[in-house]
């Protein structure tokens, strides 16, 4: 009795939501009171809810597929497949979705068949939001670094190009000054000089 009271005390006061899913009945048969803080439902409401209504359809399919694979492995003697950690989304009473990190363990009955999934779910919504914000900031930083690199490259190219134009414009001015106005080379040289000035 003392042991049972101790386990009940732990379960009912844990911050993480502790639950048990009966695979044959496809429903939750136990959930700790902390579920109300996590999802807004009372434990009684959770117990009356089929598991496929507890989470988005794609999440339910993923979880069910994972359980079926692990169940087959455990029943074939692979004890390493008994415990898994997954990111699982659950519906909240207010219609939102909460992201959790959920550790599950498959529990076998007396015949050695996996009958239950015992889980502990922890809210990681804030963590995921922080990770998304961090990824966004890192992406913005990468973009800024790319722009900075392009800016440095452009400045270097402009500096080198300007050095060449100084030579072109300087020599074309000198040559124009030394040619007579009717010199046949003057027209072509003036075009070179104009193009150099436009480029500058």
N, C-alpha and C. Protein backbone atom coordinates (compact mmCIF):
# COMPACT_ATOMS: atom_id res chain seq x y z
N UNK A 1 0.84 -1.20 0.00
CA UNK A 1 0.00 0.00 0.00
C UNK A 1 0.88 1.25 0.00
N UNK A 2 1.95 1.23 0.84
CA UNK A 2 2.86 2.38 0.90
C UNK A 2 3.52 2.62 -0.46
N UNK A 3 3.93 1.52 -1.12
CA UNK A 3 4.56 1.63 -2.45
C UNK A 3 3.58 2.23 -3.45
N UNK A 4 2.34 1.76 -3.40
CA UNK A 4 1.31 2.27 -4.31
C UNK A 4 1.08 3.77 -4.06
N UNK A 5 1.02 4.16 -2.79
CA UNK A 5 0.82 5.56 -2.43
C UNK A 5 1.99 6.42 -2.93
N UNK A 6 3.19 5.85 -2.81
CA UNK A 6 4.40 6.57 -3.26
C UNK A 6 4.35 6.79 -4.77
N UNK A 7 4.03 5.74 -5.52
CA UNK A 7 3.94 5.86 -6.98
C UNK A 7 2.84 6.85 -7.39
N UNK A 8 1.72 6.80 -6.68
CA UNK A 8 0.63 7.72 -6.98
C UNK A 8 1.04 9.16 -6.70
N UNK A 9 1.77 9.36 -5.61
CA UNK A 9 2.26 10.69 -5.25
C UNK A 9 3.19 11.23 -6.34
N UNK A 10 4.11 10.37 -6.82
CA UNK A 10 5.04 10.78 -7.88
C UNK A 10 4.27 11.12 -9.15
N UNK A 11 3.39 10.21 -9.56
CA UNK A 11 2.66 10.38 -10.80
C UNK A 11 1.78 11.62 -10.77
N UNK A 12 1.09 11.84 -9.68
CA UNK A 12 0.13 12.94 -9.62
C UNK A 12 0.79 14.29 -9.39
N UNK A 13 2.09 14.30 -9.06
CA UNK A 13 2.77 15.57 -8.82
C UNK A 13 3.91 15.84 -9.79
N UNK A 14 4.10 14.94 -10.75
CA UNK A 14 5.17 15.14 -11.74
C UNK A 14 4.80 16.29 -12.68
N UNK A 15 5.80 17.07 -13.08
CA UNK A 15 5.55 18.17 -14.02
C UNK A 15 5.23 17.62 -15.41
N UNK A 16 5.92 16.54 -15.80
CA UNK A 16 5.64 15.89 -17.08
C UNK A 16 4.30 15.15 -16.98
N UNK A 17 3.64 14.99 -18.12
CA UNK A 17 2.38 14.24 -18.13
C UNK A 17 2.71 12.76 -18.31
N UNK A 18 2.29 11.95 -17.35
CA UNK A 18 2.50 10.50 -17.40
C UNK A 18 1.18 9.87 -17.83
N UNK A 19 1.24 8.96 -18.79
CA UNK A 19 0.01 8.36 -19.31
C UNK A 19 0.24 6.92 -19.72
N UNK A 20 -0.89 6.19 -19.85
CA UNK A 20 -0.83 4.80 -20.31
C UNK A 20 -1.90 4.61 -21.39
N UNK A 21 -1.46 4.04 -22.53
CA UNK A 21 -2.34 3.81 -23.67
C UNK A 21 -2.55 2.30 -23.81
N UNK A 22 -3.82 1.89 -23.78
CA UNK A 22 -4.18 0.49 -24.00
C UNK A 22 -4.30 0.30 -25.51
N UNK A 23 -3.41 -0.50 -26.09
CA UNK A 23 -3.38 -0.67 -27.55
C UNK A 23 -4.59 -1.44 -28.07
N UNK A 24 -5.12 -2.35 -27.26
CA UNK A 24 -6.28 -3.12 -27.71
C UNK A 24 -7.53 -2.26 -27.75
N UNK A 25 -7.68 -1.41 -26.75
CA UNK A 25 -8.86 -0.53 -26.69
C UNK A 25 -8.63 0.79 -27.43
N UNK A 26 -7.38 1.06 -27.81
CA UNK A 26 -6.98 2.30 -28.48
C UNK A 26 -7.47 3.54 -27.73
N UNK A 27 -7.20 3.53 -26.43
CA UNK A 27 -7.55 4.71 -25.63
C UNK A 27 -6.61 4.80 -24.45
N UNK A 28 -6.58 6.00 -23.89
CA UNK A 28 -5.76 6.26 -22.71
C UNK A 28 -6.49 5.68 -21.49
N UNK A 29 -5.79 4.88 -20.69
CA UNK A 29 -6.42 4.29 -19.50
C UNK A 29 -5.90 4.93 -18.22
N UNK A 30 -4.85 5.75 -18.33
CA UNK A 30 -4.38 6.53 -17.18
C UNK A 30 -3.70 7.78 -17.70
N UNK A 31 -3.92 8.90 -17.03
CA UNK A 31 -3.18 10.13 -17.34
C UNK A 31 -3.05 10.93 -16.04
N UNK A 32 -1.88 11.50 -15.83
CA UNK A 32 -1.64 12.26 -14.59
C UNK A 32 -2.34 13.62 -14.65
N UNK A 33 -2.64 14.20 -13.49
CA UNK A 33 -3.36 15.48 -13.44
C UNK A 33 -2.65 16.63 -14.17
N UNK A 34 -1.33 16.53 -14.36
CA UNK A 34 -0.59 17.61 -15.03
C UNK A 34 -1.03 17.80 -16.48
N UNK A 35 -1.84 16.86 -17.02
CA UNK A 35 -2.35 16.99 -18.39
C UNK A 35 -3.21 18.25 -18.53
N UNK A 36 -3.86 18.63 -17.42
CA UNK A 36 -4.72 19.81 -17.49
C UNK A 36 -3.91 21.07 -17.74
N UNK A 37 -2.74 21.15 -17.15
CA UNK A 37 -1.87 22.30 -17.38
C UNK A 37 -1.30 22.28 -18.81
N UNK A 38 -0.97 21.08 -19.29
CA UNK A 38 -0.37 20.96 -20.62
C UNK A 38 -1.39 21.15 -21.73
N UNK A 39 -2.56 20.51 -21.61
CA UNK A 39 -3.50 20.48 -22.73
C UNK A 39 -4.86 21.09 -22.43
N UNK A 40 -5.15 21.41 -21.17
CA UNK A 40 -6.43 22.04 -20.84
C UNK A 40 -7.56 21.07 -20.54
N UNK A 41 -7.40 19.80 -20.91
CA UNK A 41 -8.41 18.78 -20.62
C UNK A 41 -8.22 18.24 -19.21
N UNK A 42 -9.32 17.84 -18.58
CA UNK A 42 -9.21 17.15 -17.30
C UNK A 42 -8.79 15.70 -17.59
N UNK A 43 -8.24 14.99 -16.61
CA UNK A 43 -7.90 13.58 -16.83
C UNK A 43 -9.11 12.76 -17.29
N UNK A 44 -10.30 13.08 -16.74
CA UNK A 44 -11.51 12.34 -17.11
C UNK A 44 -11.86 12.54 -18.60
N UNK A 45 -11.66 13.77 -19.09
CA UNK A 45 -11.93 14.04 -20.51
C UNK A 45 -10.94 13.29 -21.40
N UNK A 46 -9.69 13.21 -20.96
CA UNK A 46 -8.67 12.49 -21.74
C UNK A 46 -9.01 11.00 -21.80
N UNK A 47 -9.43 10.43 -20.68
CA UNK A 47 -9.73 9.00 -20.62
C UNK A 47 -10.91 8.63 -21.52
N UNK A 48 -11.80 9.57 -21.78
CA UNK A 48 -12.97 9.31 -22.62
C UNK A 48 -12.67 9.53 -24.11
N UNK A 49 -11.46 9.99 -24.41
CA UNK A 49 -11.10 10.39 -25.78
C UNK A 49 -10.29 9.29 -26.49
N UNK A 50 -10.73 8.85 -27.69
CA UNK A 50 -9.90 7.89 -28.44
C UNK A 50 -8.56 8.53 -28.79
N UNK A 51 -7.51 7.73 -28.93
CA UNK A 51 -6.16 8.27 -29.17
C UNK A 51 -6.07 9.01 -30.49
N UNK A 52 -6.83 8.59 -31.50
CA UNK A 52 -6.74 9.28 -32.80
C UNK A 52 -7.32 10.68 -32.75
N UNK A 53 -8.05 11.01 -31.65
CA UNK A 53 -8.56 12.38 -31.48
C UNK A 53 -7.65 13.21 -30.58
N UNK A 54 -6.63 12.58 -30.03
CA UNK A 54 -5.72 13.28 -29.11
C UNK A 54 -4.64 14.05 -29.85
N UNK A 55 -4.40 13.70 -31.13
CA UNK A 55 -3.29 14.31 -31.88
C UNK A 55 -3.68 14.47 -33.34
N UNK A 56 -2.97 15.34 -34.06
CA UNK A 56 -3.24 15.49 -35.50
C UNK A 56 -3.11 14.15 -36.22
N UNK A 57 -3.87 13.99 -37.32
CA UNK A 57 -3.93 12.71 -38.04
C UNK A 57 -2.55 12.22 -38.49
N UNK A 58 -1.72 13.11 -39.02
CA UNK A 58 -0.39 12.69 -39.49
C UNK A 58 0.50 12.24 -38.32
N UNK A 59 0.35 12.91 -37.18
CA UNK A 59 1.11 12.52 -35.98
C UNK A 59 0.64 11.15 -35.50
N UNK A 60 -0.68 10.96 -35.48
CA UNK A 60 -1.24 9.67 -35.04
C UNK A 60 -0.73 8.53 -35.92
N UNK A 61 -0.72 8.74 -37.24
CA UNK A 61 -0.22 7.71 -38.17
C UNK A 61 1.25 7.41 -37.91
N UNK A 62 2.04 8.47 -37.69
CA UNK A 62 3.47 8.29 -37.43
C UNK A 62 3.68 7.50 -36.13
N UNK A 63 2.96 7.89 -35.08
CA UNK A 63 3.09 7.23 -33.77
C UNK A 63 2.65 5.77 -33.87
N UNK A 64 1.51 5.53 -34.52
CA UNK A 64 1.00 4.17 -34.65
C UNK A 64 1.96 3.29 -35.44
N UNK A 65 2.51 3.82 -36.51
CA UNK A 65 3.49 3.08 -37.32
C UNK A 65 4.73 2.73 -36.51
N UNK A 66 5.21 3.70 -35.72
CA UNK A 66 6.39 3.49 -34.87
C UNK A 66 6.10 2.41 -33.82
N UNK A 67 4.91 2.49 -33.21
CA UNK A 67 4.54 1.51 -32.19
C UNK A 67 4.43 0.11 -32.80
N UNK A 68 3.82 0.01 -33.98
CA UNK A 68 3.67 -1.30 -34.62
C UNK A 68 5.02 -1.92 -34.95
N UNK A 69 5.96 -1.09 -35.44
CA UNK A 69 7.31 -1.59 -35.75
C UNK A 69 8.01 -2.06 -34.47
N UNK A 70 7.95 -1.23 -33.43
CA UNK A 70 8.62 -1.57 -32.17
C UNK A 70 7.94 -2.76 -31.50
N UNK A 71 6.62 -2.83 -31.59
CA UNK A 71 5.87 -3.94 -30.99
C UNK A 71 6.31 -5.27 -31.62
N UNK A 72 6.41 -5.28 -32.95
CA UNK A 72 6.84 -6.50 -33.66
C UNK A 72 8.27 -6.86 -33.24
N UNK A 73 9.14 -5.84 -33.11
CA UNK A 73 10.53 -6.09 -32.73
C UNK A 73 10.62 -6.67 -31.32
N UNK A 74 9.86 -6.07 -30.39
CA UNK A 74 9.87 -6.54 -28.98
C UNK A 74 9.35 -7.96 -28.90
N UNK A 75 8.25 -8.23 -29.60
CA UNK A 75 7.65 -9.57 -29.54
C UNK A 75 8.53 -10.62 -30.23
N UNK A 76 9.52 -10.14 -31.03
CA UNK A 76 10.50 -11.05 -31.65
C UNK A 76 11.76 -11.17 -30.80
N UNK A 77 11.77 -10.50 -29.64
CA UNK A 77 12.89 -10.64 -28.72
C UNK A 77 13.85 -9.46 -28.66
N UNK A 78 13.58 -8.37 -29.38
CA UNK A 78 14.46 -7.20 -29.38
C UNK A 78 14.05 -6.24 -28.26
N UNK A 79 14.68 -6.36 -27.11
CA UNK A 79 14.33 -5.51 -25.96
C UNK A 79 14.73 -4.05 -26.18
N UNK A 80 15.68 -3.82 -27.08
CA UNK A 80 16.12 -2.45 -27.35
C UNK A 80 15.05 -1.60 -28.01
N UNK A 81 14.03 -2.25 -28.57
CA UNK A 81 12.96 -1.51 -29.26
C UNK A 81 11.85 -1.08 -28.30
N UNK A 82 11.99 -1.43 -27.02
CA UNK A 82 10.92 -1.15 -26.06
C UNK A 82 10.77 0.34 -25.74
N UNK A 83 11.88 1.06 -25.69
CA UNK A 83 11.85 2.47 -25.27
C UNK A 83 12.19 3.36 -26.45
N UNK A 84 11.40 4.41 -26.63
CA UNK A 84 11.63 5.36 -27.72
C UNK A 84 11.38 6.78 -27.23
N UNK A 85 12.06 7.75 -27.86
CA UNK A 85 11.81 9.17 -27.60
C UNK A 85 11.42 9.81 -28.92
N UNK A 86 10.25 10.45 -28.94
CA UNK A 86 9.75 11.09 -30.16
C UNK A 86 9.20 12.47 -29.85
N UNK A 87 9.15 13.28 -30.89
CA UNK A 87 8.45 14.55 -30.78
C UNK A 87 7.02 14.30 -31.22
N UNK A 88 6.08 14.53 -30.31
CA UNK A 88 4.67 14.25 -30.59
C UNK A 88 3.84 15.50 -30.31
N UNK A 89 2.96 15.82 -31.25
CA UNK A 89 2.05 16.96 -31.08
C UNK A 89 0.71 16.45 -30.55
N UNK A 90 0.15 17.17 -29.59
CA UNK A 90 -1.17 16.84 -29.04
C UNK A 90 -2.10 18.04 -29.19
N UNK A 91 -3.39 17.75 -29.33
CA UNK A 91 -4.40 18.81 -29.36
C UNK A 91 -4.64 19.31 -27.94
N UNK A 92 -4.84 20.63 -27.83
CA UNK A 92 -5.25 21.23 -26.55
C UNK A 92 -6.75 21.51 -26.61
N UNK A 93 -7.33 21.73 -25.46
CA UNK A 93 -8.78 21.97 -25.38
C UNK A 93 -9.18 23.24 -26.13
N UNK A 94 -8.28 24.24 -26.15
CA UNK A 94 -8.59 25.51 -26.82
C UNK A 94 -8.35 25.47 -28.34
N UNK A 95 -8.02 24.27 -28.87
CA UNK A 95 -7.85 24.13 -30.31
C UNK A 95 -6.41 24.28 -30.80
N UNK A 96 -5.52 24.72 -29.93
CA UNK A 96 -4.12 24.84 -30.33
C UNK A 96 -3.44 23.47 -30.26
N UNK A 97 -2.21 23.44 -30.72
CA UNK A 97 -1.42 22.19 -30.68
C UNK A 97 -0.19 22.43 -29.82
N UNK A 98 0.11 21.49 -28.95
CA UNK A 98 1.30 21.60 -28.12
C UNK A 98 2.32 20.55 -28.59
N UNK A 99 3.56 20.98 -28.74
CA UNK A 99 4.64 20.07 -29.13
C UNK A 99 5.26 19.49 -27.86
N UNK A 100 5.45 18.18 -27.86
CA UNK A 100 6.04 17.54 -26.69
C UNK A 100 7.19 16.64 -27.09
N UNK A 101 8.11 16.49 -26.15
CA UNK A 101 9.11 15.42 -26.26
C UNK A 101 8.56 14.30 -25.39
N UNK A 102 8.29 13.17 -26.01
CA UNK A 102 7.62 12.08 -25.32
C UNK A 102 8.50 10.83 -25.31
N UNK A 103 8.73 10.33 -24.11
CA UNK A 103 9.47 9.07 -23.94
C UNK A 103 8.43 7.99 -23.71
N UNK A 104 8.46 6.93 -24.52
CA UNK A 104 7.49 5.86 -24.38
C UNK A 104 8.18 4.53 -24.11
N UNK A 105 7.45 3.65 -23.41
CA UNK A 105 7.93 2.29 -23.17
C UNK A 105 6.78 1.33 -23.43
N UNK A 106 7.07 0.30 -24.22
CA UNK A 106 6.07 -0.73 -24.49
C UNK A 106 6.05 -1.72 -23.34
N UNK A 107 4.84 -2.05 -22.87
CA UNK A 107 4.67 -2.96 -21.73
C UNK A 107 3.92 -4.20 -22.21
N UNK A 108 4.49 -5.35 -21.92
CA UNK A 108 3.89 -6.63 -22.36
C UNK A 108 2.98 -7.19 -21.27
N UNK A 109 2.00 -7.99 -21.73
CA UNK A 109 1.13 -8.68 -20.77
C UNK A 109 1.77 -10.01 -20.36
N UNK A 110 1.03 -10.84 -19.61
CA UNK A 110 1.57 -12.11 -19.09
C UNK A 110 1.94 -13.08 -20.21
N UNK A 111 1.30 -12.93 -21.39
CA UNK A 111 1.58 -13.83 -22.52
C UNK A 111 2.79 -13.36 -23.33
N UNK A 112 3.36 -12.20 -22.96
CA UNK A 112 4.50 -11.67 -23.70
C UNK A 112 4.12 -10.81 -24.88
N UNK A 113 2.82 -10.49 -25.00
CA UNK A 113 2.34 -9.63 -26.08
C UNK A 113 2.32 -8.19 -25.60
N UNK A 114 2.75 -7.28 -26.43
CA UNK A 114 2.74 -5.85 -26.05
C UNK A 114 1.30 -5.38 -26.01
N UNK A 115 0.89 -4.87 -24.85
CA UNK A 115 -0.50 -4.46 -24.66
C UNK A 115 -0.62 -2.96 -24.39
N UNK A 116 0.38 -2.39 -23.70
CA UNK A 116 0.29 -0.99 -23.28
C UNK A 116 1.49 -0.18 -23.75
N UNK A 117 1.27 1.12 -23.88
CA UNK A 117 2.35 2.07 -24.07
C UNK A 117 2.30 3.01 -22.87
N UNK A 118 3.39 3.08 -22.12
CA UNK A 118 3.49 4.03 -21.01
C UNK A 118 4.34 5.18 -21.50
N UNK A 119 3.86 6.41 -21.30
CA UNK A 119 4.59 7.57 -21.81
C UNK A 119 4.73 8.68 -20.79
N UNK A 120 5.75 9.52 -21.01
CA UNK A 120 5.94 10.74 -20.24
C UNK A 120 6.18 11.85 -21.25
N UNK A 121 5.30 12.86 -21.24
CA UNK A 121 5.35 13.93 -22.23
C UNK A 121 5.71 15.25 -21.59
N UNK A 122 6.65 15.96 -22.22
CA UNK A 122 7.13 17.26 -21.72
C UNK A 122 6.91 18.32 -22.79
N UNK A 123 6.37 19.46 -22.39
CA UNK A 123 6.11 20.57 -23.32
C UNK A 123 7.43 21.15 -23.84
N UNK A 124 7.58 21.15 -25.17
CA UNK A 124 8.79 21.76 -25.78
C UNK A 124 8.40 22.87 -26.77
N UNK A 125 7.17 23.37 -26.64
CA UNK A 125 6.69 24.42 -27.55
C UNK A 125 7.59 25.65 -27.49
N UNK A 126 7.92 26.09 -26.26
CA UNK A 126 8.79 27.26 -26.10
C UNK A 126 10.17 27.02 -26.66
N UNK A 127 10.68 25.81 -26.45
CA UNK A 127 12.00 25.44 -26.97
C UNK A 127 12.00 25.47 -28.50
N UNK A 128 10.94 24.93 -29.11
CA UNK A 128 10.84 24.91 -30.58
C UNK A 128 10.75 26.34 -31.13
N UNK A 129 10.00 27.19 -30.40
CA UNK A 129 9.87 28.59 -30.83
C UNK A 129 11.23 29.28 -30.77
N UNK A 130 11.98 29.00 -29.68
CA UNK A 130 13.32 29.59 -29.53
C UNK A 130 14.27 29.08 -30.62
N UNK A 131 14.16 27.78 -30.95
CA UNK A 131 15.00 27.21 -32.01
C UNK A 131 14.68 27.83 -33.37
N UNK A 132 13.38 28.05 -33.63
CA UNK A 132 12.96 28.67 -34.89
C UNK A 132 13.49 30.10 -34.98
N UNK A 133 13.42 30.83 -33.86
CA UNK A 133 13.92 32.21 -33.82
C UNK A 133 15.43 32.23 -34.02
N UNK A 134 16.11 31.29 -33.39
CA UNK A 134 17.57 31.19 -33.54
C UNK A 134 17.94 30.90 -35.00
N UNK A 135 17.20 29.98 -35.63
CA UNK A 135 17.46 29.63 -37.03
C UNK A 135 17.23 30.84 -37.93
N UNK A 136 16.18 31.62 -37.62
CA UNK A 136 15.88 32.83 -38.41
C UNK A 136 17.01 33.85 -38.27
N UNK A 137 17.49 34.05 -37.04
CA UNK A 137 18.58 35.01 -36.80
C UNK A 137 19.86 34.55 -37.49
N UNK A 138 20.13 33.22 -37.41
CA UNK A 138 21.32 32.69 -38.09
C UNK A 138 21.24 32.88 -39.59
N UNK A 139 20.03 32.70 -40.16
CA UNK A 139 19.83 32.90 -41.59
C UNK A 139 20.05 34.36 -41.97
N UNK A 140 19.51 35.27 -41.14
CA UNK A 140 19.70 36.71 -41.39
C UNK A 140 21.18 37.08 -41.31
N UNK A 141 21.89 36.48 -40.35
CA UNK A 141 23.33 36.74 -40.21
C UNK A 141 24.08 36.25 -41.44
N UNK A 142 23.72 35.04 -41.93
CA UNK A 142 24.37 34.52 -43.14
C UNK A 142 24.13 35.44 -44.34
N UNK A 143 22.89 35.94 -44.46
CA UNK A 143 22.57 36.87 -45.55
C UNK A 143 23.38 38.15 -45.44
N UNK A 144 23.50 38.67 -44.21
CA UNK A 144 24.27 39.90 -43.98
C UNK A 144 25.75 39.68 -44.32
N UNK A 145 26.26 38.50 -43.94
CA UNK A 145 27.66 38.18 -44.25
C UNK A 145 27.89 38.08 -45.76
N UNK A 146 26.89 37.49 -46.46
CA UNK A 146 27.00 37.39 -47.93
C UNK A 146 27.04 38.79 -48.54
N UNK A 147 26.12 39.65 -48.06
CA UNK A 147 26.07 41.02 -48.59
C UNK A 147 27.37 41.77 -48.29
N UNK A 148 27.89 41.55 -47.10
CA UNK A 148 29.15 42.19 -46.73
C UNK A 148 30.29 41.73 -47.66
N UNK A 149 30.30 40.42 -47.96
CA UNK A 149 31.33 39.88 -48.86
C UNK A 149 31.19 40.48 -50.26
N UNK A 150 29.94 40.56 -50.74
CA UNK A 150 29.69 41.16 -52.06
C UNK A 150 30.12 42.62 -52.05
N UNK A 151 29.82 43.32 -50.96
CA UNK A 151 30.21 44.73 -50.84
C UNK A 151 31.72 44.90 -50.89
N UNK A 152 32.45 44.04 -50.17
CA UNK A 152 33.91 44.11 -50.18
C UNK A 152 34.45 43.81 -51.57
N UNK A 153 33.87 42.80 -52.22
CA UNK A 153 34.30 42.44 -53.57
C UNK A 153 34.05 43.61 -54.53
N UNK A 154 32.84 44.19 -54.44
CA UNK A 154 32.49 45.31 -55.32
C UNK A 154 33.43 46.50 -55.09
N UNK A 155 33.75 46.77 -53.83
CA UNK A 155 34.65 47.88 -53.52
C UNK A 155 36.04 47.62 -54.10
N UNK A 156 36.51 46.37 -53.98
CA UNK A 156 37.82 46.02 -54.52
C UNK A 156 37.85 46.14 -56.04
N UNK A 157 36.78 45.63 -56.70
CA UNK A 157 36.69 45.72 -58.16
C UNK A 157 36.64 47.18 -58.59
N UNK A 158 35.82 47.98 -57.89
CA UNK A 158 35.68 49.40 -58.24
C UNK A 158 37.03 50.11 -58.10
N UNK A 159 37.76 49.80 -57.06
CA UNK A 159 39.06 50.44 -56.83
C UNK A 159 40.03 50.08 -57.96
N UNK A 160 40.10 48.77 -58.29
CA UNK A 160 41.01 48.33 -59.36
C UNK A 160 40.59 48.91 -60.71
N UNK A 161 39.28 48.93 -60.97
CA UNK A 161 38.77 49.46 -62.24
C UNK A 161 39.07 50.96 -62.35
N UNK A 162 38.90 51.64 -61.23
CA UNK A 162 39.16 53.09 -61.22
C UNK A 162 40.63 53.39 -61.52
N UNK A 163 41.54 52.54 -61.01
CA UNK A 163 42.96 52.72 -61.31
C UNK A 163 43.22 52.61 -62.81
N UNK A 164 42.56 51.63 -63.46
CA UNK A 164 42.71 51.47 -64.91
C UNK A 164 42.13 52.68 -65.66
N UNK A 165 40.98 53.16 -65.20
CA UNK A 165 40.33 54.30 -65.87
C UNK A 165 41.18 55.57 -65.73
N UNK A 166 41.83 55.71 -64.60
CA UNK A 166 42.69 56.89 -64.40
C UNK A 166 43.79 56.91 -65.47
N UNK A 167 44.35 55.73 -65.73
CA UNK A 167 45.40 55.63 -66.76
C UNK A 167 44.81 55.93 -68.14
N UNK A 168 43.65 55.29 -68.45
CA UNK A 168 43.00 55.49 -69.76
C UNK A 168 42.64 56.96 -69.96
N UNK A 169 41.98 57.56 -68.98
CA UNK A 169 41.53 58.95 -69.12
C UNK A 169 42.71 59.93 -69.13
N UNK A 170 43.70 59.64 -68.29
CA UNK A 170 44.87 60.53 -68.24
C UNK A 170 45.63 60.54 -69.55
N UNK A 171 45.93 59.36 -70.09
CA UNK A 171 46.67 59.29 -71.35
C UNK A 171 45.85 59.81 -72.52
N UNK A 172 44.53 59.53 -72.53
CA UNK A 172 43.73 60.03 -73.66
C UNK A 172 43.66 61.56 -73.62
N UNK A 173 43.64 62.18 -72.42
CA UNK A 173 43.65 63.64 -72.31
C UNK A 173 44.97 64.21 -72.83
N UNK A 174 46.08 63.56 -72.41
CA UNK A 174 47.41 64.00 -72.87
C UNK A 174 47.51 63.92 -74.38
N UNK A 175 47.07 62.81 -74.95
CA UNK A 175 47.14 62.63 -76.40
C UNK A 175 46.25 63.64 -77.13
N UNK A 176 45.06 63.89 -76.60
CA UNK A 176 44.15 64.88 -77.23
C UNK A 176 44.78 66.27 -77.23
N UNK A 177 45.50 66.57 -76.14
CA UNK A 177 46.16 67.88 -76.05
C UNK A 177 47.29 68.02 -77.05
N UNK A 178 47.87 66.89 -77.44
CA UNK A 178 49.00 66.97 -78.37
C UNK A 178 48.58 66.86 -79.84
N UNK A 179 47.30 66.57 -80.11
CA UNK A 179 46.83 66.44 -81.50
C UNK A 179 46.19 67.73 -81.98
N UNK A 180 46.35 67.99 -83.29
CA UNK A 180 45.70 69.15 -83.91
C UNK A 180 44.21 68.84 -84.06
N UNK A 181 43.40 69.87 -84.19
CA UNK A 181 41.95 69.70 -84.28
C UNK A 181 41.51 68.94 -85.52
N UNK A 182 42.31 68.98 -86.59
CA UNK A 182 41.93 68.27 -87.82
C UNK A 182 42.64 66.93 -87.97
N UNK A 183 43.30 66.49 -86.91
CA UNK A 183 44.03 65.21 -86.97
C UNK A 183 43.02 64.06 -87.14
N UNK A 184 43.23 63.12 -88.09
CA UNK A 184 42.29 62.02 -88.33
C UNK A 184 42.15 61.06 -87.13
N UNK A 185 43.14 61.06 -86.23
CA UNK A 185 43.06 60.19 -85.06
C UNK A 185 42.22 60.80 -83.93
N UNK A 186 41.95 62.10 -84.04
CA UNK A 186 41.30 62.83 -82.95
C UNK A 186 39.90 62.28 -82.64
N UNK A 187 39.09 61.98 -83.67
CA UNK A 187 37.71 61.49 -83.45
C UNK A 187 37.69 60.20 -82.64
N UNK A 188 38.53 59.24 -83.02
CA UNK A 188 38.59 57.97 -82.28
C UNK A 188 39.07 58.15 -80.86
N UNK A 189 40.06 59.05 -80.70
CA UNK A 189 40.62 59.30 -79.36
C UNK A 189 39.59 59.97 -78.45
N UNK A 190 38.78 60.89 -79.04
CA UNK A 190 37.72 61.55 -78.25
C UNK A 190 36.68 60.52 -77.78
N UNK A 191 36.36 59.54 -78.64
CA UNK A 191 35.42 58.49 -78.25
C UNK A 191 35.98 57.65 -77.09
N UNK A 192 37.29 57.34 -77.17
CA UNK A 192 37.95 56.59 -76.08
C UNK A 192 37.85 57.38 -74.79
N UNK A 193 38.12 58.71 -74.87
CA UNK A 193 38.10 59.56 -73.70
C UNK A 193 36.69 59.65 -73.10
N UNK A 194 35.67 59.80 -73.99
CA UNK A 194 34.27 59.89 -73.53
C UNK A 194 33.86 58.57 -72.82
N UNK A 195 34.23 57.45 -73.44
CA UNK A 195 33.90 56.16 -72.86
C UNK A 195 34.58 55.99 -71.50
N UNK A 196 35.80 56.44 -71.36
CA UNK A 196 36.52 56.39 -70.09
C UNK A 196 35.84 57.22 -69.02
N UNK A 197 35.38 58.41 -69.41
CA UNK A 197 34.69 59.29 -68.46
C UNK A 197 33.36 58.69 -68.00
N UNK A 198 32.62 58.10 -68.98
CA UNK A 198 31.34 57.44 -68.63
C UNK A 198 31.58 56.27 -67.67
N UNK A 199 32.62 55.52 -67.95
CA UNK A 199 32.95 54.37 -67.08
C UNK A 199 33.32 54.85 -65.68
N UNK A 200 34.05 55.94 -65.61
CA UNK A 200 34.43 56.49 -64.29
C UNK A 200 33.17 56.95 -63.54
